[in-house]
Amino acid sequence: MMATHYRNTLADIIQDFDNNYLSRSTYEAIAWAGLGEIENNQSTVAWQNLTFAEQQAITNILNEHFFNGTSNCN
């Protein structure tokens, strides 16, 4: 329920914080981080309700921008 209810809110907050630097779909994918898959290869009901294509698109965006993206942190 939380993933369904708060996903757009989280995407809005991330997008505002980032000053709209990336596409909306990227912010929506980032909002899925922590809401989709959980420990031991289990997943939330909201994640399970997505099609495989939707899951793969989100995973690809997360891998590209969130987990493997560039960082300005030192």
PDB file of N, CA and C in Angstrom:
ATOM      1  N   MET A   1       0.826  -1.195   0.000  1.00  0.00           N
ATOM      2  CA  MET A   1       0.000   0.000   0.000  1.00  0.00           C
ATOM      3  C   MET A   1       0.865   1.253   0.000  1.00  0.00           C
ATOM      4  N   MET A   2       1.950   1.225   0.768  1.00  0.00           N
ATOM      5  CA  MET A   2       2.797   2.407   0.825  1.00  0.00           C
ATOM      6  C   MET A   2       3.422   2.707  -0.531  1.00  0.00           C
ATOM      7  N   ALA A   3       3.856   1.659  -1.237  1.00  0.00           N
ATOM      8  CA  ALA A   3       4.466   1.875  -2.552  1.00  0.00           C
ATOM      9  C   ALA A   3       3.475   2.519  -3.498  1.00  0.00           C
ATOM     10  N   THR A   4       2.257   2.052  -3.492  1.00  0.00           N
ATOM     11  CA  THR A   4       1.240   2.616  -4.362  1.00  0.00           C
ATOM     12  C   THR A   4       0.885   4.036  -3.961  1.00  0.00           C
ATOM     13  N   HIS A   5       0.754   4.264  -2.677  1.00  0.00           N
ATOM     14  CA  HIS A   5       0.299   5.565  -2.182  1.00  0.00           C
ATOM     15  C   HIS A   5       1.367   6.655  -2.276  1.00  0.00           C
ATOM     16  N   TYR A   6       2.601   6.334  -1.954  1.00  0.00           N
ATOM     17  CA  TYR A   6       3.633   7.357  -1.819  1.00  0.00           C
ATOM     18  C   TYR A   6       4.590   7.488  -3.003  1.00  0.00           C
ATOM     19  N   ARG A   7       4.497   6.598  -3.981  1.00  0.00           N
ATOM     20  CA  ARG A   7       5.447   6.611  -5.083  1.00  0.00           C
ATOM     21  C   ARG A   7       5.485   7.954  -5.813  1.00  0.00           C
ATOM     22  N   ASN A   8       4.328   8.493  -6.169  1.00  0.00           N
ATOM     23  CA  ASN A   8       4.300   9.784  -6.865  1.00  0.00           C
ATOM     24  C   ASN A   8       4.768  10.921  -5.968  1.00  0.00           C
ATOM     25  N   THR A   9       4.438  10.853  -4.694  1.00  0.00           N
ATOM     26  CA  THR A   9       4.900  11.872  -3.752  1.00  0.00           C
ATOM     27  C   THR A   9       6.422  11.848  -3.658  1.00  0.00           C
ATOM     28  N   LEU A  10       6.993  10.658  -3.549  1.00  0.00           N
ATOM     29  CA  LEU A  10       8.443  10.539  -3.497  1.00  0.00           C
ATOM     30  C   LEU A  10       9.088  11.068  -4.779  1.00  0.00           C
ATOM     31  N   ALA A  11       8.507  10.726  -5.921  1.00  0.00           N
ATOM     32  CA  ALA A  11       9.034  11.209  -7.202  1.00  0.00           C
ATOM     33  C   ALA A  11       8.975  12.734  -7.264  1.00  0.00           C
ATOM     34  N   ASP A  12       7.881  13.326  -6.786  1.00  0.00           N
ATOM     35  CA  ASP A  12       7.756  14.788  -6.763  1.00  0.00           C
ATOM     36  C   ASP A  12       8.852  15.430  -5.916  1.00  0.00           C
ATOM     37  N   ILE A  13       9.098  14.860  -4.741  1.00  0.00           N
ATOM     38  CA  ILE A  13      10.099  15.405  -3.828  1.00  0.00           C
ATOM     39  C   ILE A  13      11.496  15.305  -4.448  1.00  0.00           C
ATOM     40  N   ILE A  14      11.810  14.151  -5.015  1.00  0.00           N
ATOM     41  CA  ILE A  14      13.119  13.960  -5.635  1.00  0.00           C
ATOM     42  C   ILE A  14      13.295  14.919  -6.813  1.00  0.00           C
ATOM     43  N   GLN A  15      12.249  15.066  -7.615  1.00  0.00           N
ATOM     44  CA  GLN A  15      12.302  15.945  -8.779  1.00  0.00           C
ATOM     45  C   GLN A  15      12.517  17.401  -8.348  1.00  0.00           C
ATOM     46  N   ASP A  16      11.796  17.841  -7.327  1.00  0.00           N
ATOM     47  CA  ASP A  16      11.972  19.206  -6.823  1.00  0.00           C
ATOM     48  C   ASP A  16      13.383  19.407  -6.271  1.00  0.00           C
ATOM     49  N   PHE A  17      13.863  18.442  -5.512  1.00  0.00           N
ATOM     50  CA  PHE A  17      15.194  18.531  -4.920  1.00  0.00           C
ATOM     51  C   PHE A  17      16.275  18.604  -6.001  1.00  0.00           C
ATOM     52  N   ASP A  18      16.044  17.896  -7.110  1.00  0.00           N
ATOM     53  CA  ASP A  18      17.024  17.819  -8.196  1.00  0.00           C
ATOM     54  C   ASP A  18      16.829  18.918  -9.241  1.00  0.00           C
ATOM     55  N   ASN A  19      15.877  19.817  -9.001  1.00  0.00           N
ATOM     56  CA  ASN A  19      15.603  20.929  -9.922  1.00  0.00           C
ATOM     57  C   ASN A  19      15.267  20.458 -11.333  1.00  0.00           C
ATOM     58  N   ASN A  20      14.512  19.374 -11.453  1.00  0.00           N
ATOM     59  CA  ASN A  20      14.039  18.853 -12.748  1.00  0.00           C
ATOM     60  C   ASN A  20      15.170  18.549 -13.721  1.00  0.00           C
ATOM     61  N   TYR A  21      16.294  18.096 -13.215  1.00  0.00           N
ATOM     62  CA  TYR A  21      17.463  17.812 -14.048  1.00  0.00           C
ATOM     63  C   TYR A  21      17.240  16.604 -14.964  1.00  0.00           C
ATOM     64  N   LEU A  22      16.520  15.602 -14.492  1.00  0.00           N
ATOM     65  CA  LEU A  22      16.301  14.363 -15.243  1.00  0.00           C
ATOM     66  C   LEU A  22      14.853  14.265 -15.699  1.00  0.00           C
ATOM     67  N   SER A  23      14.545  13.224 -16.465  1.00  0.00           N
ATOM     68  CA  SER A  23      13.172  13.016 -16.936  1.00  0.00           C
ATOM     69  C   SER A  23      12.272  12.561 -15.791  1.00  0.00           C
ATOM     70  N   ARG A  24      10.986  12.771 -15.933  1.00  0.00           N
ATOM     71  CA  ARG A  24      10.023  12.351 -14.903  1.00  0.00           C
ATOM     72  C   ARG A  24      10.099  10.844 -14.677  1.00  0.00           C
ATOM     73  N   SER A  25      10.264  10.078 -15.745  1.00  0.00           N
ATOM     74  CA  SER A  25      10.327   8.622 -15.599  1.00  0.00           C
ATOM     75  C   SER A  25      11.508   8.201 -14.738  1.00  0.00           C
ATOM     76  N   THR A  26      12.590   8.962 -14.780  1.00  0.00           N
ATOM     77  CA  THR A  26      13.744   8.655 -13.935  1.00  0.00           C
ATOM     78  C   THR A  26      13.407   8.869 -12.469  1.00  0.00           C
ATOM     79  N   TYR A  27      12.730   9.976 -12.156  1.00  0.00           N
ATOM     80  CA  TYR A  27      12.337  10.234 -10.762  1.00  0.00           C
ATOM     81  C   TYR A  27      11.341   9.185 -10.269  1.00  0.00           C
ATOM     82  N   GLU A  28      10.444   8.763 -11.129  1.00  0.00           N
ATOM     83  CA  GLU A  28       9.492   7.721 -10.744  1.00  0.00           C
ATOM     84  C   GLU A  28      10.208   6.405 -10.495  1.00  0.00           C
ATOM     85  N   ALA A  29      11.207   6.093 -11.312  1.00  0.00           N
ATOM     86  CA  ALA A  29      11.978   4.868 -11.107  1.00  0.00           C
ATOM     87  C   ALA A  29      12.761   4.938  -9.800  1.00  0.00           C
ATOM     88  N   ILE A  30      13.370   6.075  -9.525  1.00  0.00           N
ATOM     89  CA  ILE A  30      14.125   6.232  -8.282  1.00  0.00           C
ATOM     90  C   ILE A  30      13.205   6.060  -7.074  1.00  0.00           C
ATOM     91  N   ALA A  31      11.962   6.509  -7.199  1.00  0.00           N
ATOM     92  CA  ALA A  31      11.000   6.338  -6.104  1.00  0.00           C
ATOM     93  C   ALA A  31      10.736   4.864  -5.825  1.00  0.00           C
ATOM     94  N   TRP A  32      10.949   3.999  -6.828  1.00  0.00           N
ATOM     95  CA  TRP A  32      10.767   2.564  -6.626  1.00  0.00           C
ATOM     96  C   TRP A  32      11.893   1.952  -5.807  1.00  0.00           C
ATOM     97  N   ALA A  33      13.054   2.605  -5.745  1.00  0.00           N
ATOM     98  CA  ALA A  33      14.172   2.044  -4.980  1.00  0.00           C
ATOM     99  C   ALA A  33      13.728   1.866  -3.535  1.00  0.00           C
ATOM    100  N   GLY A  34      13.767   0.675  -3.064  1.00  0.00           N
ATOM    101  CA  GLY A  34      13.324   0.381  -1.703  1.00  0.00           C
ATOM    102  C   GLY A  34      11.855   0.041  -1.596  1.00  0.00           C
ATOM    103  N   LEU A  35      11.099   0.285  -2.660  1.00  0.00           N
ATOM    104  CA  LEU A  35       9.666  -0.032  -2.635  1.00  0.00           C
ATOM    105  C   LEU A  35       9.345  -1.279  -3.451  1.00  0.00           C
ATOM    106  N   GLY A  36      10.270  -1.715  -4.261  1.00  0.00           N
ATOM    107  CA  GLY A  36      10.010  -2.850  -5.141  1.00  0.00           C
ATOM    108  C   GLY A  36      10.464  -4.152  -4.533  1.00  0.00           C
ATOM    109  N   GLU A  37      11.740  -4.441  -4.691  1.00  0.00           N
ATOM    110  CA  GLU A  37      12.271  -5.689  -4.187  1.00  0.00           C
ATOM    111  C   GLU A  37      12.812  -5.487  -2.784  1.00  0.00           C
ATOM    112  N   ILE A  38      12.600  -6.499  -1.965  1.00  0.00           N
ATOM    113  CA  ILE A  38      13.100  -6.466  -0.594  1.00  0.00           C
ATOM    114  C   ILE A  38      14.014  -7.664  -0.390  1.00  0.00           C
ATOM    115  N   GLU A  39      14.454  -7.906   0.793  1.00  0.00           N
ATOM    116  CA  GLU A  39      15.427  -8.964   1.083  1.00  0.00           C
ATOM    117  C   GLU A  39      14.988 -10.332   0.602  1.00  0.00           C
ATOM    118  N   ASN A  40      15.989 -11.188   0.370  1.00  0.00           N
ATOM    119  CA  ASN A  40      15.781 -12.598   0.046  1.00  0.00           C
ATOM    120  C   ASN A  40      14.927 -12.808  -1.190  1.00  0.00           C
ATOM    121  N   ASN A  41      15.116 -11.966  -2.200  1.00  0.00           N
ATOM    122  CA  ASN A  41      14.407 -12.072  -3.477  1.00  0.00           C
ATOM    123  C   ASN A  41      12.889 -12.011  -3.336  1.00  0.00           C
ATOM    124  N   GLN A  42      12.406 -11.352  -2.306  1.00  0.00           N
ATOM    125  CA  GLN A  42      10.983 -11.119  -2.148  1.00  0.00           C
ATOM    126  C   GLN A  42      10.671  -9.736  -2.697  1.00  0.00           C
ATOM    127  N   SER A  43       9.421  -9.513  -3.035  1.00  0.00           N
ATOM    128  CA  SER A  43       9.047  -8.200  -3.559  1.00  0.00           C
ATOM    129  C   SER A  43       7.704  -7.772  -2.991  1.00  0.00           C
ATOM    130  N   THR A  44       7.454  -6.470  -3.105  1.00  0.00           N
ATOM    131  CA  THR A  44       6.192  -5.932  -2.621  1.00  0.00           C
ATOM    132  C   THR A  44       5.071  -6.285  -3.588  1.00  0.00           C
ATOM    133  N   VAL A  45       3.848  -6.212  -3.128  1.00  0.00           N
ATOM    134  CA  VAL A  45       2.687  -6.484  -3.975  1.00  0.00           C
ATOM    135  C   VAL A  45       2.624  -5.479  -5.116  1.00  0.00           C
ATOM    136  N   ALA A  46       2.940  -4.223  -4.831  1.00  0.00           N
ATOM    137  CA  ALA A  46       2.914  -3.192  -5.875  1.00  0.00           C
ATOM    138  C   ALA A  46       3.900  -3.545  -6.985  1.00  0.00           C
ATOM    139  N   TRP A  47       5.082  -4.030  -6.631  1.00  0.00           N
ATOM    140  CA  TRP A  47       6.082  -4.427  -7.628  1.00  0.00           C
ATOM    141  C   TRP A  47       5.577  -5.627  -8.422  1.00  0.00           C
ATOM    142  N   GLN A  48       4.984  -6.581  -7.748  1.00  0.00           N
ATOM    143  CA  GLN A  48       4.458  -7.774  -8.407  1.00  0.00           C
ATOM    144  C   GLN A  48       3.332  -7.431  -9.374  1.00  0.00           C
ATOM    145  N   ASN A  49       2.607  -6.354  -9.097  1.00  0.00           N
ATOM    146  CA  ASN A  49       1.496  -5.958  -9.961  1.00  0.00           C
ATOM    147  C   ASN A  49       1.952  -5.288 -11.258  1.00  0.00           C
ATOM    148  N   LEU A  50       3.234  -4.928 -11.338  1.00  0.00           N
ATOM    149  CA  LEU A  50       3.757  -4.357 -12.570  1.00  0.00           C
ATOM    150  C   LEU A  50       4.017  -5.467 -13.582  1.00  0.00           C
ATOM    151  N   THR A  51       3.957  -5.121 -14.845  1.00  0.00           N
ATOM    152  CA  THR A  51       4.321  -6.099 -15.869  1.00  0.00           C
ATOM    153  C   THR A  51       5.831  -6.291 -15.839  1.00  0.00           C
ATOM    154  N   PHE A  52       6.295  -7.377 -16.443  1.00  0.00           N
ATOM    155  CA  PHE A  52       7.737  -7.612 -16.503  1.00  0.00           C
ATOM    156  C   PHE A  52       8.416  -6.470 -17.247  1.00  0.00           C
ATOM    157  N   ALA A  53       7.795  -5.971 -18.302  1.00  0.00           N
ATOM    158  CA  ALA A  53       8.374  -4.859 -19.071  1.00  0.00           C
ATOM    159  C   ALA A  53       8.510  -3.607 -18.211  1.00  0.00           C
ATOM    160  N   GLU A  54       7.512  -3.320 -17.382  1.00  0.00           N
ATOM    161  CA  GLU A  54       7.579  -2.158 -16.477  1.00  0.00           C
ATOM    162  C   GLU A  54       8.685  -2.343 -15.445  1.00  0.00           C
ATOM    163  N   GLN A  55       8.773  -3.546 -14.867  1.00  0.00           N
ATOM    164  CA  GLN A  55       9.826  -3.832 -13.900  1.00  0.00           C
ATOM    165  C   GLN A  55      11.208  -3.671 -14.530  1.00  0.00           C
ATOM    166  N   GLN A  56      11.358  -4.183 -15.747  1.00  0.00           N
ATOM    167  CA  GLN A  56      12.647  -4.105 -16.427  1.00  0.00           C
ATOM    168  C   GLN A  56      13.024  -2.667 -16.756  1.00  0.00           C
ATOM    169  N   ALA A  57      12.048  -1.864 -17.180  1.00  0.00           N
ATOM    170  CA  ALA A  57      12.314  -0.453 -17.494  1.00  0.00           C
ATOM    171  C   ALA A  57      12.771   0.290 -16.239  1.00  0.00           C
ATOM    172  N   ILE A  58      12.113   0.046 -15.118  1.00  0.00           N
ATOM    173  CA  ILE A  58      12.492   0.684 -13.855  1.00  0.00           C
ATOM    174  C   ILE A  58      13.881   0.232 -13.434  1.00  0.00           C
ATOM    175  N   THR A  59      14.134  -1.061 -13.518  1.00  0.00           N
ATOM    176  CA  THR A  59      15.447  -1.598 -13.158  1.00  0.00           C
ATOM    177  C   THR A  59      16.542  -0.996 -14.024  1.00  0.00           C
ATOM    178  N   ASN A  60      16.292  -0.868 -15.318  1.00  0.00           N
ATOM    179  CA  ASN A  60      17.286  -0.284 -16.220  1.00  0.00           C
ATOM    180  C   ASN A  60      17.588   1.169 -15.860  1.00  0.00           C
ATOM    181  N   ILE A  61      16.544   1.942 -15.568  1.00  0.00           N
ATOM    182  CA  ILE A  61      16.747   3.343 -15.183  1.00  0.00           C
ATOM    183  C   ILE A  61      17.520   3.434 -13.878  1.00  0.00           C
ATOM    184  N   LEU A  62      17.168   2.601 -12.902  1.00  0.00           N
ATOM    185  CA  LEU A  62      17.888   2.610 -11.626  1.00  0.00           C
ATOM    186  C   LEU A  62      19.357   2.248 -11.822  1.00  0.00           C
ATOM    187  N   ASN A  63      19.609   1.248 -12.632  1.00  0.00           N
ATOM    188  CA  ASN A  63      20.995   0.849 -12.884  1.00  0.00           C
ATOM    189  C   ASN A  63      21.773   1.953 -13.581  1.00  0.00           C
ATOM    190  N   GLU A  64      21.136   2.640 -14.514  1.00  0.00           N
ATOM    191  CA  GLU A  64      21.813   3.675 -15.284  1.00  0.00           C
ATOM    192  C   GLU A  64      22.062   4.947 -14.482  1.00  0.00           C
ATOM    193  N   HIS A  65      21.055   5.403 -13.736  1.00  0.00           N
ATOM    194  CA  HIS A  65      21.143   6.702 -13.081  1.00  0.00           C
ATOM    195  C   HIS A  65      21.376   6.650 -11.583  1.00  0.00           C
ATOM    196  N   PHE A  66      20.919   5.620 -10.945  1.00  0.00           N
ATOM    197  CA  PHE A  66      20.929   5.605  -9.490  1.00  0.00           C
ATOM    198  C   PHE A  66      22.103   4.805  -8.940  1.00  0.00           C
ATOM    199  N   PHE A  67      22.269   3.578  -9.402  1.00  0.00           N
ATOM    200  CA  PHE A  67      23.304   2.716  -8.854  1.00  0.00           C
ATOM    201  C   PHE A  67      24.649   2.900  -9.553  1.00  0.00           C
ATOM    202  N   ASN A  68      24.649   3.148 -10.858  1.00  0.00           N
ATOM    203  CA  ASN A  68      25.895   3.232 -11.612  1.00  0.00           C
ATOM    204  C   ASN A  68      26.168   4.620 -12.169  1.00  0.00           C
ATOM    205  N   GLY A  69      25.369   5.581 -11.814  1.00  0.00           N
ATOM    206  CA  GLY A  69      25.512   6.919 -12.371  1.00  0.00           C
ATOM    207  C   GLY A  69      26.733   7.646 -11.798  1.00  0.00           C
ATOM    208  N   THR A  70      26.994   8.789 -12.377  1.00  0.00           N
ATOM    209  CA  THR A  70      28.119   9.585 -11.902  1.00  0.00           C
ATOM    210  C   THR A  70      27.771  10.212 -10.560  1.00  0.00           C
ATOM    211  N   SER A  71      28.784  10.532  -9.816  1.00  0.00           N
ATOM    212  CA  SER A  71      28.584  11.133  -8.516  1.00  0.00           C
ATOM    213  C   SER A  71      29.556  12.292  -8.340  1.00  0.00           C
ATOM    214  N   ASN A  72      29.077  13.363  -7.775  1.00  0.00           N
ATOM    215  CA  ASN A  72      29.927  14.503  -7.475  1.00  0.00           C
ATOM    216  C   ASN A  72      30.410  14.479  -6.028  1.00  0.00           C
ATOM    217  N   CYS A  73      30.101  13.382  -5.335  1.00  0.00           N
ATOM    218  CA  CYS A  73      30.498  13.264  -3.932  1.00  0.00           C
ATOM    219  C   CYS A  73      31.962  12.883  -3.836  1.00  0.00           C
ATOM    220  N   ASN A  74      32.634  13.404  -2.879  1.00  0.00           N
ATOM    221  CA  ASN A  74      34.051  13.069  -2.652  1.00  0.00           C
ATOM    222  C   ASN A  74      34.209  12.303  -1.367  1.00  0.00           C
TER     223      ASN A  74
END
